Each structure stands twice: as C-alpha cells, then as structure tokens.
C-alpha cells in the first residue's frame, strides 16, 4: 500500500511540473473572489447581449410568431409561404 501511495504522489508531482511551476502564482496578483464575480457578471451580460441581438433580428426572433413549428417540413412550408429562403 505504501508503494501505491508513493507512486501516486510522484505522479501528481510530475503532473504539476508539466503544467508549469508558476501558474498558480497568478492568484497572488488577482483576487480570486473578485475574479470569479467579474467572470460571472461578464458571462451574464454577454448572454443577455446575445439574446437581445437575436430578438432584434427578424429572421432569428423565436418569439415573434408564438411557439416554433415542431416539424421541419411544416417550418419549410411556412418559410416558403412567407417568401423566405429554405
């Protein structure tokens, strides 16, 4: 059992050497809590921006005509009737 534990710890140490010795030191410069909150808010704003852009476009707004048509042929027929491609 001692041999397995020793080999596992050596494997973990070699993995850290491959990743780089100073990568963890970025957290000495950046506050982890502030960084995570910043990342969270950035992703929320990015998601909202993408949704707003999709809602503003005529072709990609999925709320304009109610619920989407569940069948591909019916959707293609409706698009053809509206004069849209595909």
N, C-alpha and C. Protein backbone atom coordinates (compact mmCIF):
# COMPACT_ATOMS: atom_id res chain seq x y z
N UNK A 1 0.83 -1.20 0.00
CA UNK A 1 0.00 0.00 0.00
C UNK A 1 0.87 1.25 0.00
N UNK A 2 1.97 1.19 0.72
CA UNK A 2 2.89 2.33 0.79
C UNK A 2 3.46 2.64 -0.59
N UNK A 3 3.73 1.59 -1.38
CA UNK A 3 4.30 1.79 -2.71
C UNK A 3 3.30 2.49 -3.63
N UNK A 4 2.02 2.13 -3.52
CA UNK A 4 1.00 2.75 -4.37
C UNK A 4 0.87 4.23 -4.04
N UNK A 5 0.85 4.54 -2.74
CA UNK A 5 0.72 5.93 -2.32
C UNK A 5 1.92 6.76 -2.79
N UNK A 6 3.10 6.18 -2.68
CA UNK A 6 4.31 6.88 -3.11
C UNK A 6 4.30 7.13 -4.61
N UNK A 7 3.90 6.11 -5.38
CA UNK A 7 3.87 6.28 -6.83
C UNK A 7 2.80 7.29 -7.25
N UNK A 8 1.68 7.30 -6.52
CA UNK A 8 0.63 8.28 -6.83
C UNK A 8 1.12 9.70 -6.55
N UNK A 9 1.80 9.90 -5.42
CA UNK A 9 2.27 11.25 -5.10
C UNK A 9 3.35 11.69 -6.08
N UNK A 10 4.18 10.76 -6.54
CA UNK A 10 5.18 11.11 -7.55
C UNK A 10 4.51 11.47 -8.87
N UNK A 11 3.44 10.76 -9.21
CA UNK A 11 2.71 11.06 -10.44
C UNK A 11 2.07 12.44 -10.37
N UNK A 12 1.49 12.76 -9.23
CA UNK A 12 0.87 14.08 -9.06
C UNK A 12 1.92 15.17 -9.13
N UNK A 13 3.06 14.95 -8.51
CA UNK A 13 4.14 15.95 -8.55
C UNK A 13 4.64 16.15 -9.96
N UNK A 14 4.75 15.06 -10.73
CA UNK A 14 5.23 15.21 -12.10
C UNK A 14 4.18 15.93 -12.96
N UNK A 15 2.89 15.73 -12.66
CA UNK A 15 1.84 16.45 -13.38
C UNK A 15 1.96 17.96 -13.15
N UNK A 16 2.25 18.36 -11.91
CA UNK A 16 2.40 19.77 -11.61
C UNK A 16 3.63 20.35 -12.31
N UNK A 17 4.67 19.57 -12.45
CA UNK A 17 5.86 20.05 -13.14
C UNK A 17 5.57 20.26 -14.63
N UNK A 18 4.71 19.42 -15.19
CA UNK A 18 4.36 19.57 -16.60
C UNK A 18 3.53 20.83 -16.80
N UNK A 19 2.60 21.11 -15.88
CA UNK A 19 1.73 22.28 -16.02
C UNK A 19 2.50 23.58 -15.88
N UNK A 20 3.59 23.58 -15.22
CA UNK A 20 4.36 24.80 -15.02
C UNK A 20 4.46 25.11 -13.55
N UNK A 21 5.57 25.64 -13.17
CA UNK A 21 5.78 25.86 -11.74
C UNK A 21 5.14 27.14 -11.23
N UNK A 22 4.93 28.12 -12.10
CA UNK A 22 4.44 29.40 -11.61
C UNK A 22 3.01 29.73 -11.97
N UNK A 23 2.27 28.79 -12.53
CA UNK A 23 0.92 29.10 -12.98
C UNK A 23 0.01 29.48 -11.82
N UNK A 24 0.18 28.88 -10.69
CA UNK A 24 -0.68 29.17 -9.54
C UNK A 24 -0.42 30.56 -8.98
N UNK A 25 0.70 31.17 -9.32
CA UNK A 25 1.06 32.46 -8.75
C UNK A 25 0.21 33.60 -9.31
N UNK A 26 -0.59 33.33 -10.35
CA UNK A 26 -1.49 34.37 -10.86
C UNK A 26 -2.47 34.81 -9.78
N UNK A 27 -2.79 33.91 -8.84
CA UNK A 27 -3.74 34.25 -7.78
C UNK A 27 -3.11 35.12 -6.71
N UNK A 28 -1.79 35.30 -6.75
CA UNK A 28 -1.15 36.28 -5.88
C UNK A 28 -1.41 37.69 -6.40
N UNK A 29 -1.58 37.80 -7.72
CA UNK A 29 -1.81 39.10 -8.35
C UNK A 29 -3.31 39.42 -8.36
N UNK A 30 -4.12 38.44 -8.75
CA UNK A 30 -5.57 38.65 -8.86
C UNK A 30 -6.28 38.07 -7.65
N UNK A 31 -7.25 38.82 -7.15
CA UNK A 31 -8.08 38.33 -6.05
C UNK A 31 -9.05 37.29 -6.61
N UNK A 32 -9.02 36.05 -6.11
CA UNK A 32 -9.88 35.00 -6.69
C UNK A 32 -11.37 35.33 -6.60
N UNK A 33 -11.83 35.88 -5.50
CA UNK A 33 -13.26 36.18 -5.36
C UNK A 33 -13.69 37.26 -6.35
N UNK A 34 -12.91 38.31 -6.46
CA UNK A 34 -13.25 39.38 -7.39
C UNK A 34 -13.19 38.89 -8.83
N UNK A 35 -12.22 38.02 -9.13
CA UNK A 35 -12.09 37.48 -10.47
C UNK A 35 -13.30 36.63 -10.84
N UNK A 36 -13.77 35.80 -9.92
CA UNK A 36 -14.93 34.96 -10.19
C UNK A 36 -16.20 35.79 -10.35
N UNK A 37 -16.36 36.83 -9.53
CA UNK A 37 -17.53 37.69 -9.68
C UNK A 37 -17.50 38.45 -11.00
N UNK A 38 -16.31 38.91 -11.38
CA UNK A 38 -16.17 39.61 -12.66
C UNK A 38 -16.51 38.68 -13.81
N UNK A 39 -16.00 37.47 -13.76
CA UNK A 39 -16.30 36.48 -14.80
C UNK A 39 -17.79 36.16 -14.85
N UNK A 40 -18.41 36.03 -13.69
CA UNK A 40 -19.84 35.74 -13.64
C UNK A 40 -20.65 36.86 -14.29
N UNK A 41 -20.37 38.09 -13.94
CA UNK A 41 -21.13 39.21 -14.50
C UNK A 41 -20.85 39.40 -15.98
N UNK A 42 -19.61 39.15 -16.40
CA UNK A 42 -19.29 39.25 -17.82
C UNK A 42 -20.10 38.24 -18.63
N UNK A 43 -20.18 37.00 -18.13
CA UNK A 43 -20.93 35.97 -18.86
C UNK A 43 -22.43 36.26 -18.87
N UNK A 44 -22.95 36.82 -17.78
CA UNK A 44 -24.37 37.18 -17.75
C UNK A 44 -24.66 38.28 -18.77
N UNK A 45 -23.83 39.31 -18.79
CA UNK A 45 -24.03 40.41 -19.73
C UNK A 45 -23.87 39.92 -21.16
N UNK A 46 -22.88 39.07 -21.41
CA UNK A 46 -22.69 38.52 -22.76
C UNK A 46 -23.91 37.70 -23.20
N UNK A 47 -24.44 36.88 -22.31
CA UNK A 47 -25.63 36.10 -22.65
C UNK A 47 -26.83 36.98 -22.95
N UNK A 48 -27.04 38.01 -22.14
CA UNK A 48 -28.15 38.93 -22.39
C UNK A 48 -27.97 39.68 -23.70
N UNK A 49 -26.75 40.09 -23.98
CA UNK A 49 -26.48 40.80 -25.23
C UNK A 49 -26.77 39.92 -26.44
N UNK A 50 -26.36 38.67 -26.38
CA UNK A 50 -26.63 37.74 -27.49
C UNK A 50 -28.14 37.56 -27.67
N UNK A 51 -28.86 37.39 -26.57
CA UNK A 51 -30.31 37.20 -26.68
C UNK A 51 -30.98 38.45 -27.23
N UNK A 52 -30.56 39.62 -26.80
CA UNK A 52 -31.16 40.86 -27.31
C UNK A 52 -30.92 41.00 -28.81
N UNK A 53 -29.70 40.69 -29.24
CA UNK A 53 -29.41 40.76 -30.67
C UNK A 53 -30.25 39.78 -31.47
N UNK A 54 -30.47 38.59 -30.93
CA UNK A 54 -31.31 37.61 -31.63
C UNK A 54 -32.76 38.06 -31.66
N UNK A 55 -33.25 38.66 -30.58
CA UNK A 55 -34.63 39.13 -30.55
C UNK A 55 -34.85 40.29 -31.52
N UNK A 56 -33.84 41.11 -31.74
CA UNK A 56 -33.99 42.25 -32.64
C UNK A 56 -33.99 41.85 -34.10
N UNK A 57 -33.38 40.70 -34.43
CA UNK A 57 -33.35 40.30 -35.84
C UNK A 57 -34.69 39.68 -36.22
N UNK A 58 -35.11 39.92 -37.46
CA UNK A 58 -36.39 39.38 -37.92
C UNK A 58 -36.32 37.88 -38.16
N UNK A 59 -35.19 37.41 -38.62
CA UNK A 59 -35.07 36.02 -39.00
C UNK A 59 -34.88 35.09 -37.81
N UNK A 60 -34.24 35.56 -36.74
CA UNK A 60 -33.90 34.68 -35.62
C UNK A 60 -34.73 34.90 -34.37
N UNK A 61 -35.73 35.75 -34.42
CA UNK A 61 -36.58 36.01 -33.27
C UNK A 61 -37.60 34.89 -33.13
N UNK A 62 -37.45 34.06 -32.11
CA UNK A 62 -38.34 32.90 -31.94
C UNK A 62 -39.61 33.23 -31.17
N UNK A 63 -39.75 34.47 -30.70
CA UNK A 63 -40.97 34.86 -30.00
C UNK A 63 -41.96 35.63 -30.88
N UNK A 64 -41.55 35.96 -32.09
CA UNK A 64 -42.40 36.80 -32.95
C UNK A 64 -43.66 36.07 -33.41
N UNK A 65 -43.55 34.79 -33.70
CA UNK A 65 -44.70 34.06 -34.24
C UNK A 65 -45.28 33.07 -33.24
N UNK A 66 -45.13 33.30 -31.98
CA UNK A 66 -45.62 32.34 -30.99
C UNK A 66 -44.60 31.25 -30.77
N UNK A 67 -45.09 30.03 -30.68
CA UNK A 67 -44.15 28.93 -30.47
C UNK A 67 -43.63 28.41 -31.80
N UNK A 68 -42.45 27.81 -31.80
CA UNK A 68 -41.89 27.33 -33.06
C UNK A 68 -42.64 26.13 -33.61
N UNK A 69 -42.57 25.94 -34.91
CA UNK A 69 -43.21 24.80 -35.56
C UNK A 69 -42.38 23.55 -35.27
N UNK A 70 -43.00 22.48 -34.77
CA UNK A 70 -42.20 21.32 -34.36
C UNK A 70 -41.71 20.46 -35.52
N UNK A 71 -42.25 20.58 -36.69
CA UNK A 71 -41.85 19.70 -37.79
C UNK A 71 -41.09 20.47 -38.85
N UNK A 72 -40.05 19.87 -39.37
CA UNK A 72 -39.18 20.54 -40.33
C UNK A 72 -39.91 20.89 -41.63
N UNK A 73 -40.73 19.97 -42.12
CA UNK A 73 -41.46 20.23 -43.37
C UNK A 73 -42.46 21.37 -43.21
N UNK A 74 -43.13 21.41 -42.07
CA UNK A 74 -44.09 22.48 -41.82
C UNK A 74 -43.37 23.82 -41.71
N UNK A 75 -42.20 23.82 -41.10
CA UNK A 75 -41.43 25.05 -40.99
C UNK A 75 -40.96 25.51 -42.36
N UNK A 76 -40.51 24.57 -43.19
CA UNK A 76 -40.07 24.92 -44.54
C UNK A 76 -41.25 25.47 -45.36
N UNK A 77 -42.43 24.87 -45.19
CA UNK A 77 -43.62 25.35 -45.91
C UNK A 77 -43.96 26.79 -45.49
N UNK A 78 -43.93 27.05 -44.19
CA UNK A 78 -44.25 28.39 -43.71
C UNK A 78 -43.24 29.42 -44.22
N UNK A 79 -41.97 29.03 -44.25
CA UNK A 79 -40.94 29.94 -44.75
C UNK A 79 -41.14 30.21 -46.24
N UNK A 80 -41.53 29.17 -46.99
CA UNK A 80 -41.76 29.34 -48.42
C UNK A 80 -42.96 30.25 -48.66
N UNK A 81 -44.01 30.10 -47.84
CA UNK A 81 -45.18 30.95 -47.99
C UNK A 81 -44.88 32.41 -47.67
N UNK A 82 -43.93 32.60 -46.76
CA UNK A 82 -43.57 33.97 -46.37
C UNK A 82 -42.56 34.58 -47.34
N UNK A 83 -42.08 33.77 -48.27
CA UNK A 83 -41.12 34.26 -49.26
C UNK A 83 -39.69 34.24 -48.77
N UNK A 84 -39.42 33.48 -47.71
CA UNK A 84 -38.07 33.38 -47.17
C UNK A 84 -37.33 32.20 -47.78
N UNK A 85 -36.00 32.25 -47.85
CA UNK A 85 -35.25 31.12 -48.41
C UNK A 85 -35.30 29.90 -47.52
N UNK A 86 -35.07 28.76 -48.08
CA UNK A 86 -35.02 27.46 -47.41
C UNK A 86 -36.39 27.05 -46.96
